């Protein structure tokens, strides 16, 4: 597998993107194509990278975080995002990863790769740590306004994704609502509930916001507006917990000694809550393996995004979604 990485994308690029690619090559053996300005990337790589499976593909333009997604994709046809996706389209790469402008990644993916067969709208699937493992939340921000039929497609794609990763056919699906009862929810949720109940999927019914982190189901389906708000709320809560723990364990000698004794447990908890261990979110529904990372991704997040993109390409998740015959 060869993974194309938008080396110019993200708040801290190209430092963290290059470092993440080098870490993925050294620790995981991931072959990476660094897409971006050659002179900039060459200076960051240094001579030690000569023996690693990391190459540079020159892309003179960069789509900035503040650029209008669709306009930037049309105007900057030689940007690192568009060039990277062209490599994927032409078979020179097996997956594409970017921590850059997510709207531009979405727009460029639709323009360059196109939609998967039968899919009306792609969705961003974000992996959420839970008490029982992990849950896939989608849509996490690609579509603010959707129809119930779109949410049914999200559920089908999410089920295929989880089943392919776990090599089972047991993925459970929940519909995010304001109550577990079938009668709860707005008009969109009520209509989606009916479609999901009759879909043949392993539908567990409505789930509430608190059920996401409990791991009640494997796949949680919602619209992109609600999903993005839920995701940011979960991220903010995780950061709050970690900050409160830091404050308390440094408050007085007794707390410091107790924290010293429990430092391994604290590290494990922090690792479970750390978004950088997940790395990236798949953009499901486009005709290629595309992962979107957080704009403030660290080198560790980039490394793990390359890892999960590599795994998804090896398992041919896009092929599994295409062969599933998903439609409204």
C-alpha atoms as a PDB file:
ATOM      1  CA  UNK A   1       0.000   0.000   0.000  1.00  0.00           C
ATOM      2  CA  UNK A   2       1.144   3.536  -0.811  1.00  0.00           C
ATOM      3  CA  UNK A   3      -0.583   6.319   1.117  1.00  0.00           C
ATOM      4  CA  UNK A   4      -0.682   9.871  -0.261  1.00  0.00           C
ATOM      5  CA  UNK A   5      -0.443  12.444   2.537  1.00  0.00           C
ATOM      6  CA  UNK A   6      -1.393  16.091   2.197  1.00  0.00           C
ATOM      7  CA  UNK A   7       1.881  17.283   3.694  1.00  0.00           C
ATOM      8  CA  UNK A   8       0.806  20.945   3.625  1.00  0.00           C
ATOM      9  CA  UNK A   9      -2.534  20.417   5.387  1.00  0.00           C
ATOM     10  CA  UNK A  10      -3.182  21.180   9.057  1.00  0.00           C
ATOM     11  CA  UNK A  11      -2.441  23.859  11.605  1.00  0.00           C
ATOM     12  CA  UNK A  12       1.109  22.616  12.211  1.00  0.00           C
ATOM     13  CA  UNK A  13       2.114  21.442   8.738  1.00  0.00           C
ATOM     14  CA  UNK A  14       4.576  20.595   7.371  1.00  0.00           C
ATOM     15  CA  UNK A  15       6.439  19.894  10.640  1.00  0.00           C
ATOM     16  CA  UNK A  16       3.976  17.384  12.079  1.00  0.00           C
ATOM     17  CA  UNK A  17       2.996  15.849   8.750  1.00  0.00           C
ATOM     18  CA  UNK A  18       6.605  15.051   7.878  1.00  0.00           C
ATOM     19  CA  UNK A  19       7.361  13.812  11.392  1.00  0.00           C
ATOM     20  CA  UNK A  20       4.213  11.674  11.349  1.00  0.00           C
ATOM     21  CA  UNK A  21       5.121  10.178   7.984  1.00  0.00           C
ATOM     22  CA  UNK A  22       8.634   9.368   9.182  1.00  0.00           C
ATOM     23  CA  UNK A  23       7.250   7.745  12.336  1.00  0.00           C
ATOM     24  CA  UNK A  24       4.780   5.689  10.279  1.00  0.00           C
ATOM     25  CA  UNK A  25       7.610   4.557   8.024  1.00  0.00           C
ATOM     26  CA  UNK A  26      10.015   3.723  10.851  1.00  0.00           C
ATOM     27  CA  UNK A  27       7.568   2.095  13.270  1.00  0.00           C
ATOM     28  CA  UNK A  28       4.914   0.645  10.966  1.00  0.00           C
ATOM     29  CA  UNK A  29       6.551   0.326   7.564  1.00  0.00           C
ATOM     30  CA  UNK A  30       3.886   2.485   5.897  1.00  0.00           C
ATOM     31  CA  UNK A  31       4.928   3.744   2.457  1.00  0.00           C
ATOM     32  CA  UNK A  32       3.993   7.416   2.190  1.00  0.00           C
ATOM     33  CA  UNK A  33       3.871   9.907  -0.659  1.00  0.00           C
ATOM     34  CA  UNK A  34       4.372  13.379   0.811  1.00  0.00           C
ATOM     35  CA  UNK A  35       2.356  15.727  -1.403  1.00  0.00           C
ATOM     36  CA  UNK A  36       3.359  19.382  -1.247  1.00  0.00           C
ATOM     37  CA  UNK A  37       6.025  21.925  -2.085  1.00  0.00           C
ATOM     38  CA  UNK A  38       9.139  19.932  -2.865  1.00  0.00           C
ATOM     39  CA  UNK A  39      11.674  22.468  -1.616  1.00  0.00           C
ATOM     40  CA  UNK A  40       9.880  22.851   1.715  1.00  0.00           C
ATOM     41  CA  UNK A  41       9.437  19.133   2.280  1.00  0.00           C
ATOM     42  CA  UNK A  42      13.008  18.288   1.262  1.00  0.00           C
ATOM     43  CA  UNK A  43      14.321  20.691   3.890  1.00  0.00           C
ATOM     44  CA  UNK A  44      12.162  19.088   6.580  1.00  0.00           C
ATOM     45  CA  UNK A  45      12.982  15.499   5.665  1.00  0.00           C
ATOM     46  CA  UNK A  46      16.721  15.678   6.070  1.00  0.00           C
ATOM     47  CA  UNK A  47      19.268  13.063   4.955  1.00  0.00           C
ATOM     48  CA  UNK A  48      18.120  10.350   7.400  1.00  0.00           C
ATOM     49  CA  UNK A  49      14.932   9.806   5.412  1.00  0.00           C
ATOM     50  CA  UNK A  50      16.799   8.453   2.383  1.00  0.00           C
ATOM     51  CA  UNK A  51      16.525   4.874   3.631  1.00  0.00           C
ATOM     52  CA  UNK A  52      12.809   5.091   4.516  1.00  0.00           C
ATOM     53  CA  UNK A  53       9.779   4.422   2.257  1.00  0.00           C
ATOM     54  CA  UNK A  54       8.900   8.116   2.010  1.00  0.00           C
ATOM     55  CA  UNK A  55       8.756  10.008  -1.304  1.00  0.00           C
ATOM     56  CA  UNK A  56       7.886  13.579  -2.265  1.00  0.00           C
ATOM     57  CA  UNK A  57       5.324  14.438  -4.940  1.00  0.00           C
ATOM     58  CA  UNK A  58       5.510  18.110  -5.851  1.00  0.00           C
ATOM     59  CA  UNK A  59       2.343  20.206  -5.527  1.00  0.00           C
ATOM     60  CA  UNK A  60       3.018  23.959  -5.777  1.00  0.00           C
ATOM     61  CA  UNK A  61      -0.296  25.206  -4.313  1.00  0.00           C
ATOM     62  CA  UNK A  62      -1.904  24.891  -0.882  1.00  0.00           C
ATOM     63  CA  UNK A  63      -5.573  25.209   0.077  1.00  0.00           C
ATOM     64  CA  UNK A  64      -5.641  27.156   3.324  1.00  0.00           C
ATOM     65  CA  UNK A  65      -8.010  26.547   6.222  1.00  0.00           C
ATOM     66  CA  UNK A  66      -9.836  29.843   5.565  1.00  0.00           C
ATOM     67  CA  UNK A  67     -10.327  29.221   1.819  1.00  0.00           C
ATOM     68  CA  UNK A  68     -13.811  28.566   0.489  1.00  0.00           C
ATOM     69  CA  UNK A  69     -13.752  24.788  -0.181  1.00  0.00           C
ATOM     70  CA  UNK A  70     -15.399  24.524  -3.598  1.00  0.00           C
ATOM     71  CA  UNK A  71     -13.853  27.722  -4.961  1.00  0.00           C
ATOM     72  CA  UNK A  72     -10.376  26.744  -3.769  1.00  0.00           C
ATOM     73  CA  UNK A  73     -10.624  23.282  -5.340  1.00  0.00           C
ATOM     74  CA  UNK A  74     -11.522  24.817  -8.706  1.00  0.00           C
ATOM     75  CA  UNK A  75      -8.918  27.591  -8.509  1.00  0.00           C
ATOM     76  CA  UNK A  76      -6.030  25.554  -7.073  1.00  0.00           C
ATOM     77  CA  UNK A  77      -5.907  22.488  -9.273  1.00  0.00           C
ATOM     78  CA  UNK A  78      -2.276  21.866  -8.321  1.00  0.00           C
ATOM     79  CA  UNK A  79      -2.873  22.046  -4.575  1.00  0.00           C
ATOM     80  CA  UNK A  80      -1.629  19.272  -2.321  1.00  0.00           C
ATOM     81  CA  UNK A  81      -5.212  18.085  -1.732  1.00  0.00           C
ATOM     82  CA  UNK A  82      -6.160  17.846  -5.409  1.00  0.00           C
ATOM     83  CA  UNK A  83      -2.827  16.358  -6.486  1.00  0.00           C
ATOM     84  CA  UNK A  84      -3.001  13.769  -3.711  1.00  0.00           C
ATOM     85  CA  UNK A  85      -6.503  12.726  -4.739  1.00  0.00           C
ATOM     86  CA  UNK A  86      -5.421  12.516  -8.377  1.00  0.00           C
ATOM     87  CA  UNK A  87      -2.689  10.088  -7.314  1.00  0.00           C
ATOM     88  CA  UNK A  88      -5.393   7.973  -5.691  1.00  0.00           C
ATOM     89  CA  UNK A  89      -7.659   8.222  -8.733  1.00  0.00           C
ATOM     90  CA  UNK A  90      -4.841   7.206 -11.100  1.00  0.00           C
ATOM     91  CA  UNK A  91      -3.806   4.224  -8.982  1.00  0.00           C
ATOM     92  CA  UNK A  92      -0.462   5.695  -7.923  1.00  0.00           C
ATOM     93  CA  UNK A  93      -1.678   5.693  -4.313  1.00  0.00           C
ATOM     94  CA  UNK A  94      -4.008   3.358  -2.429  1.00  0.00           C
ATOM     95  CA  UNK A  95      -5.372   5.921   0.043  1.00  0.00           C
ATOM     96  CA  UNK A  96      -5.269   9.642   0.807  1.00  0.00           C
ATOM     97  CA  UNK A  97      -4.921  11.388   4.184  1.00  0.00           C
ATOM     98  CA  UNK A  98      -5.319  15.096   4.962  1.00  0.00           C
ATOM     99  CA  UNK A  99      -5.487  17.244   8.081  1.00  0.00           C
ATOM    100  CA  UNK A 100      -6.231  20.270   5.934  1.00  0.00           C
ATOM    101  CA  UNK A 101      -9.438  22.044   4.979  1.00  0.00           C
ATOM    102  CA  UNK A 102     -12.004  19.262   5.458  1.00  0.00           C
ATOM    103  CA  UNK A 103     -14.573  20.971   3.252  1.00  0.00           C
ATOM    104  CA  UNK A 104     -12.015  21.128   0.444  1.00  0.00           C
ATOM    105  CA  UNK A 105     -11.137  17.444   0.942  1.00  0.00           C
ATOM    106  CA  UNK A 106     -14.837  16.625   0.641  1.00  0.00           C
ATOM    107  CA  UNK A 107     -15.345  18.807  -2.452  1.00  0.00           C
ATOM    108  CA  UNK A 108     -12.182  17.576  -4.151  1.00  0.00           C
ATOM    109  CA  UNK A 109     -13.003  13.944  -3.382  1.00  0.00           C
ATOM    110  CA  UNK A 110     -16.388  14.320  -5.060  1.00  0.00           C
ATOM    111  CA  UNK A 111     -14.834  16.103  -8.034  1.00  0.00           C
ATOM    112  CA  UNK A 112     -11.837  13.807  -8.549  1.00  0.00           C
ATOM    113  CA  UNK A 113     -13.067  10.432  -7.268  1.00  0.00           C
ATOM    114  CA  UNK A 114     -16.831  10.702  -7.549  1.00  0.00           C
ATOM    115  CA  UNK A 115     -19.450   9.055  -5.366  1.00  0.00           C
ATOM    116  CA  UNK A 116     -19.580   5.359  -4.663  1.00  0.00           C
ATOM    117  CA  UNK A 117     -22.325   3.561  -6.611  1.00  0.00           C
ATOM    118  CA  UNK A 118     -25.771   4.244  -5.179  1.00  0.00           C
ATOM    119  CA  UNK A 119     -24.556   6.822  -2.638  1.00  0.00           C
ATOM    120  CA  UNK A 120     -26.229  10.237  -2.701  1.00  0.00           C
ATOM    121  CA  UNK A 121     -24.034  11.901  -0.062  1.00  0.00           C
ATOM    122  CA  UNK A 122     -20.737  10.874   1.530  1.00  0.00           C
ATOM    123  CA  UNK A 123     -20.379  10.958   5.320  1.00  0.00           C
ATOM    124  CA  UNK A 124     -17.512  11.431   7.741  1.00  0.00           C
ATOM    125  CA  UNK A 125     -17.260   8.543  10.193  1.00  0.00           C
ATOM    126  CA  UNK A 126     -15.496   9.331  13.455  1.00  0.00           C
ATOM    127  CA  UNK A 127     -14.362   6.617  15.859  1.00  0.00           C
ATOM    128  CA  UNK A 128     -15.352   7.425  19.451  1.00  0.00           C
ATOM    129  CA  UNK A 129     -13.708   5.691  22.461  1.00  0.00           C
ATOM    130  CA  UNK A 130     -16.289   3.996  24.682  1.00  0.00           C
ATOM    131  CA  UNK A 131     -16.491   1.912  27.831  1.00  0.00           C
ATOM    132  CA  UNK A 132     -16.773  -1.242  25.736  1.00  0.00           C
ATOM    133  CA  UNK A 133     -14.357  -0.372  22.935  1.00  0.00           C
ATOM    134  CA  UNK A 134     -15.148   2.039  20.115  1.00  0.00           C
ATOM    135  CA  UNK A 135     -18.198   3.341  18.272  1.00  0.00           C
ATOM    136  CA  UNK A 136     -18.417   4.801  14.772  1.00  0.00           C
ATOM    137  CA  UNK A 137     -20.358   8.093  14.671  1.00  0.00           C
ATOM    138  CA  UNK A 138     -21.562   9.331  11.286  1.00  0.00           C
ATOM    139  CA  UNK A 139     -22.166  11.794   9.834  1.00  0.00           C
ATOM    140  CA  UNK A 140     -19.665  13.847  11.821  1.00  0.00           C
ATOM    141  CA  UNK A 141     -19.840  16.983   9.729  1.00  0.00           C
ATOM    142  CA  UNK A 142     -19.990  16.429   5.981  1.00  0.00           C
ATOM    143  CA  UNK A 143     -23.719  17.210   5.588  1.00  0.00           C
ATOM    144  CA  UNK A 144     -25.513  19.712   7.801  1.00  0.00           C
ATOM    145  CA  UNK A 145     -28.895  19.095   6.162  1.00  0.00           C
ATOM    146  CA  UNK A 146     -29.922  15.604   5.102  1.00  0.00           C
ATOM    147  CA  UNK A 147     -32.958  13.490   4.262  1.00  0.00           C
ATOM    148  CA  UNK A 148     -33.952  10.302   6.037  1.00  0.00           C
ATOM    149  CA  UNK A 149     -32.808   8.295   3.005  1.00  0.00           C
ATOM    150  CA  UNK A 150     -29.313   9.748   3.420  1.00  0.00           C
ATOM    151  CA  UNK A 151     -29.227   8.576   7.026  1.00  0.00           C
ATOM    152  CA  UNK A 152     -30.208   5.080   5.914  1.00  0.00           C
ATOM    153  CA  UNK A 153     -27.246   5.110   3.526  1.00  0.00           C
ATOM    154  CA  UNK A 154     -24.982   6.330   6.345  1.00  0.00           C
ATOM    155  CA  UNK A 155     -26.134   3.384   8.443  1.00  0.00           C
ATOM    156  CA  UNK A 156     -25.451   0.899   5.660  1.00  0.00           C
ATOM    157  CA  UNK A 157     -21.977   2.313   4.970  1.00  0.00           C
ATOM    158  CA  UNK A 158     -21.143   2.405   8.680  1.00  0.00           C
ATOM    159  CA  UNK A 159     -22.206  -1.221   9.090  1.00  0.00           C
ATOM    160  CA  UNK A 160     -20.058  -2.321   6.152  1.00  0.00           C
ATOM    161  CA  UNK A 161     -17.101  -0.359   7.526  1.00  0.00           C
ATOM    162  CA  UNK A 162     -17.320  -1.877  11.022  1.00  0.00           C
ATOM    163  CA  UNK A 163     -18.062  -5.384   9.752  1.00  0.00           C
ATOM    164  CA  UNK A 164     -15.105  -5.252   7.380  1.00  0.00           C
ATOM    165  CA  UNK A 165     -12.745  -4.053  10.102  1.00  0.00           C
ATOM    166  CA  UNK A 166     -13.928  -6.660  12.598  1.00  0.00           C
ATOM    167  CA  UNK A 167     -14.424  -9.422  10.004  1.00  0.00           C
ATOM    168  CA  UNK A 168     -17.951 -10.083  11.310  1.00  0.00           C
ATOM    169  CA  UNK A 169     -21.507  -9.278  10.255  1.00  0.00           C
ATOM    170  CA  UNK A 170     -22.760  -8.266  13.686  1.00  0.00           C
ATOM    171  CA  UNK A 171     -22.465  -4.459  13.699  1.00  0.00           C
ATOM    172  CA  UNK A 172     -25.356  -2.911  15.624  1.00  0.00           C
ATOM    173  CA  UNK A 173     -26.823   0.429  14.534  1.00  0.00           C
ATOM    174  CA  UNK A 174     -28.433   3.117  16.688  1.00  0.00           C
ATOM    175  CA  UNK A 175     -30.200   6.321  15.649  1.00  0.00           C
ATOM    176  CA  UNK A 176     -29.215   9.372  17.697  1.00  0.00           C
ATOM    177  CA  UNK A 177     -32.305  10.971  19.243  1.00  0.00           C
ATOM    178  CA  UNK A 178     -33.504  12.762  22.367  1.00  0.00           C
ATOM    179  CA  UNK A 179     -34.979   9.600  23.827  1.00  0.00           C
ATOM    180  CA  UNK A 180     -34.889   5.838  23.468  1.00  0.00           C
ATOM    181  CA  UNK A 181     -38.605   5.541  22.720  1.00  0.00           C
ATOM    182  CA  UNK A 182     -39.574   5.010  19.094  1.00  0.00           C
ATOM    183  CA  UNK A 183     -41.881   8.039  19.286  1.00  0.00           C
ATOM    184  CA  UNK A 184     -39.077  10.454  20.299  1.00  0.00           C
ATOM    185  CA  UNK A 185     -37.271  12.769  17.897  1.00  0.00           C
ATOM    186  CA  UNK A 186     -37.976  15.409  15.267  1.00  0.00           C
ATOM    187  CA  UNK A 187     -39.648  14.707  11.915  1.00  0.00           C
ATOM    188  CA  UNK A 188     -36.340  13.681  10.304  1.00  0.00           C
ATOM    189  CA  UNK A 189     -35.485  11.253  13.106  1.00  0.00           C
ATOM    190  CA  UNK A 190     -38.951   9.706  13.101  1.00  0.00           C
ATOM    191  CA  UNK A 191     -38.802   9.113   9.351  1.00  0.00           C
ATOM    192  CA  UNK A 192     -35.252   7.727   9.569  1.00  0.00           C
ATOM    193  CA  UNK A 193     -36.325   5.423  12.392  1.00  0.00           C
ATOM    194  CA  UNK A 194     -38.978   3.849  10.172  1.00  0.00           C
ATOM    195  CA  UNK A 195     -36.504   3.324   7.337  1.00  0.00           C
ATOM    196  CA  UNK A 196     -33.878   1.807   9.625  1.00  0.00           C
ATOM    197  CA  UNK A 197     -36.386  -0.467  11.341  1.00  0.00           C
ATOM    198  CA  UNK A 198     -37.330  -1.942   7.947  1.00  0.00           C
ATOM    199  CA  UNK A 199     -33.799  -1.943   6.494  1.00  0.00           C
ATOM    200  CA  UNK A 200     -32.653  -5.441   7.417  1.00  0.00           C
ATOM    201  CA  UNK A 201     -29.737  -3.936   9.348  1.00  0.00           C
ATOM    202  CA  UNK A 202     -29.037  -4.933  12.942  1.00  0.00           C
ATOM    203  CA  UNK A 203     -30.975  -1.883  14.147  1.00  0.00           C
ATOM    204  CA  UNK A 204     -31.098  -1.413  17.928  1.00  0.00           C
ATOM    205  CA  UNK A 205     -33.445   1.586  17.881  1.00  0.00           C
ATOM    206  CA  UNK A 206     -32.896   5.089  19.212  1.00  0.00           C
ATOM    207  CA  UNK A 207     -29.875   5.955  21.339  1.00  0.00           C
ATOM    208  CA  UNK A 208     -29.274   9.094  23.391  1.00  0.00           C
ATOM    209  CA  UNK A 209     -26.166  11.254  23.504  1.00  0.00           C
ATOM    210  CA  UNK A 210     -24.858   9.518  26.619  1.00  0.00           C
ATOM    211  CA  UNK A 211     -25.068   6.151  24.856  1.00  0.00           C
ATOM    212  CA  UNK A 212     -22.369   7.145  22.347  1.00  0.00           C
ATOM    213  CA  UNK A 213     -19.553   6.879  24.900  1.00  0.00           C
ATOM    214  CA  UNK A 214     -21.188   3.937  26.656  1.00  0.00           C
ATOM    215  CA  UNK A 215     -20.700   1.874  23.515  1.00  0.00           C
ATOM    216  CA  UNK A 216     -24.336   0.781  23.423  1.00  0.00           C
ATOM    217  CA  UNK A 217     -24.105   0.179  19.658  1.00  0.00           C
ATOM    218  CA  UNK A 218     -21.316  -0.140  17.080  1.00  0.00           C
ATOM    219  CA  UNK A 219     -22.627   2.550  14.715  1.00  0.00           C
ATOM    220  CA  UNK A 220     -24.461   5.755  15.684  1.00  0.00           C
ATOM    221  CA  UNK A 221     -26.246   7.529  12.833  1.00  0.00           C
ATOM    222  CA  UNK A 222     -27.276  11.182  12.699  1.00  0.00           C
ATOM    223  CA  UNK A 223     -27.132  14.237  10.440  1.00  0.00           C
ATOM    224  CA  UNK A 224     -23.836  16.078  10.002  1.00  0.00           C
ATOM    225  CA  UNK A 225     -24.855  19.122  12.051  1.00  0.00           C
ATOM    226  CA  UNK A 226     -25.910  17.109  15.085  1.00  0.00           C
ATOM    227  CA  UNK A 227     -23.011  14.695  14.682  1.00  0.00           C
ATOM    228  CA  UNK A 228     -20.427  17.450  14.605  1.00  0.00           C
ATOM    229  CA  UNK A 229     -21.895  19.126  17.697  1.00  0.00           C
ATOM    230  CA  UNK A 230     -21.902  15.764  19.504  1.00  0.00           C
ATOM    231  CA  UNK A 231     -18.315  15.066  18.459  1.00  0.00           C
ATOM    232  CA  UNK A 232     -17.040  18.457  19.633  1.00  0.00           C
ATOM    233  CA  UNK A 233     -18.926  18.045  22.921  1.00  0.00           C
ATOM    234  CA  UNK A 234     -17.280  14.663  23.499  1.00  0.00           C
ATOM    235  CA  UNK A 235     -13.847  16.080  22.664  1.00  0.00           C
ATOM    236  CA  UNK A 236     -14.399  19.011  25.019  1.00  0.00           C
ATOM    237  CA  UNK A 237     -15.522  16.719  27.831  1.00  0.00           C
ATOM    238  CA  UNK A 238     -12.464  14.505  27.395  1.00  0.00           C
ATOM    239  CA  UNK A 239     -10.187  17.555  27.557  1.00  0.00           C
ATOM    240  CA  UNK A 240     -12.033  18.804  30.659  1.00  0.00           C
ATOM    241  CA  UNK A 241     -11.570  15.473  32.449  1.00  0.00           C
ATOM    242  CA  UNK A 242      -7.876  15.371  31.653  1.00  0.00           C
ATOM    243  CA  UNK A 243      -7.364  18.974  32.770  1.00  0.00           C
ATOM    244  CA  UNK A 244      -9.241  18.404  36.052  1.00  0.00           C
ATOM    245  CA  UNK A 245      -7.162  15.302  36.744  1.00  0.00           C
ATOM    246  CA  UNK A 246      -3.941  17.237  36.110  1.00  0.00           C
ATOM    247  CA  UNK A 247      -5.030  19.964  38.502  1.00  0.00           C
ATOM    248  CA  UNK A 248      -6.050  17.560  41.256  1.00  0.00           C
ATOM    249  CA  UNK A 249      -3.011  15.266  41.138  1.00  0.00           C
ATOM    250  CA  UNK A 250      -0.676  18.233  41.484  1.00  0.00           C
ATOM    251  CA  UNK A 251      -2.593  19.709  44.433  1.00  0.00           C
ATOM    252  CA  UNK A 252      -0.491  18.849  47.471  1.00  0.00           C
ATOM    253  CA  UNK A 253       2.108  16.231  48.329  1.00  0.00           C
ATOM    254  CA  UNK A 254      -0.408  13.506  49.186  1.00  0.00           C
ATOM    255  CA  UNK A 255      -2.100  13.792  45.797  1.00  0.00           C
ATOM    256  CA  UNK A 256       1.262  13.776  44.025  1.00  0.00           C
ATOM    257  CA  UNK A 257       2.305  10.574  45.787  1.00  0.00           C
ATOM    258  CA  UNK A 258      -1.027   8.936  44.961  1.00  0.00           C
ATOM    259  CA  UNK A 259      -0.692  10.015  41.340  1.00  0.00           C
ATOM    260  CA  UNK A 260       2.810   8.564  41.203  1.00  0.00           C
ATOM    261  CA  UNK A 261       1.450   5.201  42.302  1.00  0.00           C
ATOM    262  CA  UNK A 262      -1.343   5.395  39.712  1.00  0.00           C
ATOM    263  CA  UNK A 263       0.637   6.886  36.840  1.00  0.00           C
ATOM    264  CA  UNK A 264       0.302   3.801  34.632  1.00  0.00           C
ATOM    265  CA  UNK A 265      -3.468   3.799  35.060  1.00  0.00           C
ATOM    266  CA  UNK A 266      -3.594   7.514  34.244  1.00  0.00           C
ATOM    267  CA  UNK A 267      -1.522   6.925  31.100  1.00  0.00           C
ATOM    268  CA  UNK A 268      -3.880   4.193  29.944  1.00  0.00           C
ATOM    269  CA  UNK A 269      -6.907   6.421  30.497  1.00  0.00           C
ATOM    270  CA  UNK A 270      -5.248   9.292  28.653  1.00  0.00           C
ATOM    271  CA  UNK A 271      -4.403   7.000  25.734  1.00  0.00           C
ATOM    272  CA  UNK A 272      -8.024   5.823  25.511  1.00  0.00           C
ATOM    273  CA  UNK A 273      -9.253   9.426  25.415  1.00  0.00           C
ATOM    274  CA  UNK A 274      -6.553  10.725  23.072  1.00  0.00           C
ATOM    275  CA  UNK A 275      -7.890  11.512  19.578  1.00  0.00           C
ATOM    276  CA  UNK A 276      -4.377  11.157  18.168  1.00  0.00           C
ATOM    277  CA  UNK A 277      -4.497   7.406  18.816  1.00  0.00           C
ATOM    278  CA  UNK A 278      -7.381   7.160  16.328  1.00  0.00           C
ATOM    279  CA  UNK A 279      -5.682   9.425  13.798  1.00  0.00           C
ATOM    280  CA  UNK A 280      -8.265  10.020  11.132  1.00  0.00           C
ATOM    281  CA  UNK A 281     -11.919   9.687  10.139  1.00  0.00           C
ATOM    282  CA  UNK A 282     -12.930   7.876   6.951  1.00  0.00           C
ATOM    283  CA  UNK A 283     -14.871   9.790   4.328  1.00  0.00           C
ATOM    284  CA  UNK A 284     -17.324   7.052   3.408  1.00  0.00           C
ATOM    285  CA  UNK A 285     -19.257   7.178   0.152  1.00  0.00           C
ATOM    286  CA  UNK A 286     -16.593   8.432  -2.233  1.00  0.00           C
ATOM    287  CA  UNK A 287     -14.957   6.095  -4.728  1.00  0.00           C
ATOM    288  CA  UNK A 288     -11.593   5.902  -2.975  1.00  0.00           C
ATOM    289  CA  UNK A 289     -10.045   5.471   0.469  1.00  0.00           C
ATOM    290  CA  UNK A 290      -9.926   8.958   2.016  1.00  0.00           C
ATOM    291  CA  UNK A 291      -9.239   9.865   5.653  1.00  0.00           C
ATOM    292  CA  UNK A 292      -9.712  13.285   7.237  1.00  0.00           C
ATOM    293  CA  UNK A 293      -7.630  14.188  10.292  1.00  0.00           C
ATOM    294  CA  UNK A 294      -8.111  16.915  12.897  1.00  0.00           C
ATOM    295  CA  UNK A 295      -6.711  20.286  11.843  1.00  0.00           C
ATOM    296  CA  UNK A 296      -4.562  20.445  14.977  1.00  0.00           C
ATOM    297  CA  UNK A 297      -3.237  16.917  14.521  1.00  0.00           C
ATOM    298  CA  UNK A 298       0.064  16.048  16.181  1.00  0.00           C
ATOM    299  CA  UNK A 299       2.732  13.897  14.567  1.00  0.00           C
ATOM    300  CA  UNK A 300       1.300  10.944  16.472  1.00  0.00           C
ATOM    301  CA  UNK A 301      -2.147  11.627  15.010  1.00  0.00           C
ATOM    302  CA  UNK A 302      -0.709  11.759  11.493  1.00  0.00           C
ATOM    303  CA  UNK A 303       1.163   8.500  12.090  1.00  0.00           C
ATOM    304  CA  UNK A 304      -2.029   6.795  13.215  1.00  0.00           C
ATOM    305  CA  UNK A 305      -4.054   8.300  10.374  1.00  0.00           C
ATOM    306  CA  UNK A 306      -1.592   6.749   7.950  1.00  0.00           C
ATOM    307  CA  UNK A 307      -1.899   3.470   9.841  1.00  0.00           C
ATOM    308  CA  UNK A 308      -5.704   3.316   9.673  1.00  0.00           C
ATOM    309  CA  UNK A 309      -5.712   4.446   6.022  1.00  0.00           C
ATOM    310  CA  UNK A 310      -3.231   1.689   5.237  1.00  0.00           C
ATOM    311  CA  UNK A 311      -5.426  -0.872   7.018  1.00  0.00           C
ATOM    312  CA  UNK A 312      -8.571   0.344   5.226  1.00  0.00           C
ATOM    313  CA  UNK A 313      -6.837   0.101   1.860  1.00  0.00           C
ATOM    314  CA  UNK A 314      -5.577  -3.410   2.618  1.00  0.00           C
ATOM    315  CA  UNK A 315      -9.079  -4.540   3.615  1.00  0.00           C
ATOM    316  CA  UNK A 316     -10.562  -2.810   0.542  1.00  0.00           C
ATOM    317  CA  UNK A 317     -13.347  -1.181   2.513  1.00  0.00           C
ATOM    318  CA  UNK A 318     -14.269   0.962  -0.494  1.00  0.00           C
ATOM    319  CA  UNK A 319     -14.733  -2.199  -2.546  1.00  0.00           C
ATOM    320  CA  UNK A 320     -16.872  -3.691   0.216  1.00  0.00           C
ATOM    321  CA  UNK A 321     -19.133  -0.598   0.251  1.00  0.00           C
ATOM    322  CA  UNK A 322     -19.326  -0.575  -3.554  1.00  0.00           C
ATOM    323  CA  UNK A 323     -20.273  -4.273  -3.608  1.00  0.00           C
ATOM    324  CA  UNK A 324     -22.901  -3.887  -0.886  1.00  0.00           C
ATOM    325  CA  UNK A 325     -25.421  -2.439  -3.309  1.00  0.00           C
ATOM    326  CA  UNK A 326     -26.248   0.529  -1.079  1.00  0.00           C
ATOM    327  CA  UNK A 327     -29.024   2.822  -2.262  1.00  0.00           C
ATOM    328  CA  UNK A 328     -32.077   4.582  -0.930  1.00  0.00           C
END
